[in-house]
Every structure is written in C-alpha cells, then in structure tokens.
Amino acid sequence: MKNEEDPQNQTQNIFRRGKKSENIEEEMRIFGKRMYPRQIIVFSSGVLFFAATTYDVHRSIRNNQTPPSPEQLQALEDYINSARRRPP
C-alpha cells in the first residue's frame, strides 16, 4: 500500500496531472469539432481585422457623402494654384 506522502507517488501524480491537462487542451470542442487554441487565435484575429476594415470603409463612405464646405473648396483651390506657380 503506497502512502500519498511517498515522494515517488507524488512525482507520478504530478506527471499524471500534466498529461491530463494537456489532453484537455487538445480536446477542446466547439460545435462538435475539435479546435486547438492556435486555431481560435487565428480565427479571432481574422474576424477583428475584417471588422476593423469594414468599419473603416463605411466610415470613409459616410464622410465622403457630405459635400465639401466652401472653406474646404477655397483651401483646395489655393493649394492647386500655389502648386502650379512653383517653378520647375
């Protein structure tokens, strides 16, 4: 009969626990399919990139729907005229 305080038994328990936690990580299931943590991270990164790009595109479209103000048009004309006057 082995006692729980036996050092060799404790070492075996530690290794057994390590294997058990390793198996839990490998056998994570989402929607019935086996998923690994790396796959979840890559998928989450892709979703975040797609969401940020979509937000930026829609923000640009929304900002371009408003016509430029007279001050903005005047500033643009001044810039164009100053660029033309520069000697080559």
Protein backbone atom coordinates (compact mmCIF):
# COMPACT_ATOMS: atom_id res chain seq x y z
CA MET A 1 0.00 0.00 0.00
CA LYS A 2 1.52 3.31 -1.08
CA ASN A 3 1.06 6.38 1.01
CA GLU A 4 0.11 9.72 -0.64
CA GLU A 5 3.13 11.30 1.08
CA ASP A 6 5.54 8.98 -0.72
CA PRO A 7 7.81 11.24 -2.90
CA GLN A 8 7.79 8.85 -5.84
CA ASN A 9 3.99 8.68 -5.78
CA GLN A 10 3.76 12.49 -5.67
CA THR A 11 6.04 12.73 -8.71
CA GLN A 12 3.88 10.28 -10.61
CA ASN A 13 0.77 12.27 -9.67
CA ILE A 14 2.35 15.48 -10.97
CA PHE A 15 3.17 13.86 -14.31
CA ARG A 16 -0.28 12.34 -14.48
CA ARG A 17 -1.86 15.75 -13.87
CA GLY A 18 0.33 17.30 -16.56
CA LYS A 19 -0.81 14.76 -19.13
CA LYS A 20 -4.40 15.20 -18.10
CA SER A 21 -4.31 19.00 -18.55
CA GLU A 22 -2.50 18.55 -21.86
CA ASN A 23 -5.28 16.29 -23.12
CA ILE A 24 -7.93 18.78 -22.05
CA GLU A 25 -6.25 21.48 -24.13
CA GLU A 26 -6.06 19.24 -27.17
CA GLU A 27 -9.64 18.04 -26.94
CA MET A 28 -11.45 21.37 -26.79
CA ARG A 29 -14.61 21.08 -28.84
CA ILE A 30 -16.66 23.88 -30.37
CA PHE A 31 -19.83 22.93 -32.27
CA GLY A 32 -18.75 19.30 -32.07
CA LYS A 33 -15.45 19.88 -33.88
CA ARG A 34 -12.03 19.58 -32.30
CA MET A 35 -10.43 23.03 -32.02
CA TYR A 36 -6.94 23.96 -30.91
CA PRO A 37 -6.11 27.26 -29.15
CA ARG A 38 -3.95 28.40 -32.08
CA GLN A 39 -6.91 28.00 -34.46
CA ILE A 40 -9.10 30.08 -32.17
CA ILE A 41 -6.48 32.84 -32.01
CA VAL A 42 -6.02 32.93 -35.80
CA PHE A 43 -9.78 32.96 -36.38
CA SER A 44 -10.30 35.74 -33.81
CA SER A 45 -7.54 37.81 -35.41
CA GLY A 46 -9.15 37.40 -38.82
CA VAL A 47 -12.55 38.46 -37.51
CA LEU A 48 -11.02 41.51 -35.80
CA PHE A 49 -9.15 42.50 -39.00
CA PHE A 50 -12.31 42.09 -41.10
CA ALA A 51 -14.38 44.15 -38.63
CA ALA A 52 -11.82 46.96 -38.49
CA THR A 53 -11.53 47.10 -42.29
CA THR A 54 -15.31 47.10 -42.73
CA TYR A 55 -15.70 49.88 -40.17
CA ASP A 56 -13.01 51.98 -41.86
CA VAL A 57 -14.57 51.57 -45.32
CA HIS A 58 -18.04 52.51 -44.12
CA ARG A 59 -16.67 55.47 -42.19
CA SER A 60 -14.90 56.71 -45.33
CA ILE A 61 -18.07 56.30 -47.41
CA ARG A 62 -20.13 58.17 -44.84
CA ASN A 63 -17.60 61.02 -44.67
CA ASN A 64 -17.48 61.31 -48.47
CA GLN A 65 -21.26 61.63 -48.77
CA THR A 66 -21.26 65.15 -47.32
CA PRO A 67 -20.26 67.81 -49.86
CA PRO A 68 -17.18 69.89 -49.10
CA SER A 69 -17.74 73.22 -47.40
CA PRO A 70 -16.91 76.50 -49.20
CA GLU A 71 -13.87 76.92 -46.94
CA GLN A 72 -12.58 73.49 -47.95
CA LEU A 73 -13.10 74.25 -51.65
CA GLN A 74 -11.26 77.56 -51.28
CA ALA A 75 -8.36 75.87 -49.48
CA LEU A 76 -8.17 73.24 -52.23
CA GLU A 77 -8.14 75.89 -54.96
CA ASP A 78 -5.43 77.85 -53.12
CA TYR A 79 -3.31 74.72 -52.85
CA ILE A 80 -3.75 73.87 -56.53
CA ASN A 81 -2.88 77.43 -57.58
CA SER A 82 0.20 77.52 -55.34
CA ALA A 83 1.39 74.18 -56.73
CA ARG A 84 1.07 75.45 -60.31
CA ARG A 85 3.02 78.64 -59.62
CA ARG A 86 6.13 76.86 -58.34
CA PRO A 87 8.98 76.97 -60.84
CA PRO A 88 10.22 73.56 -62.04
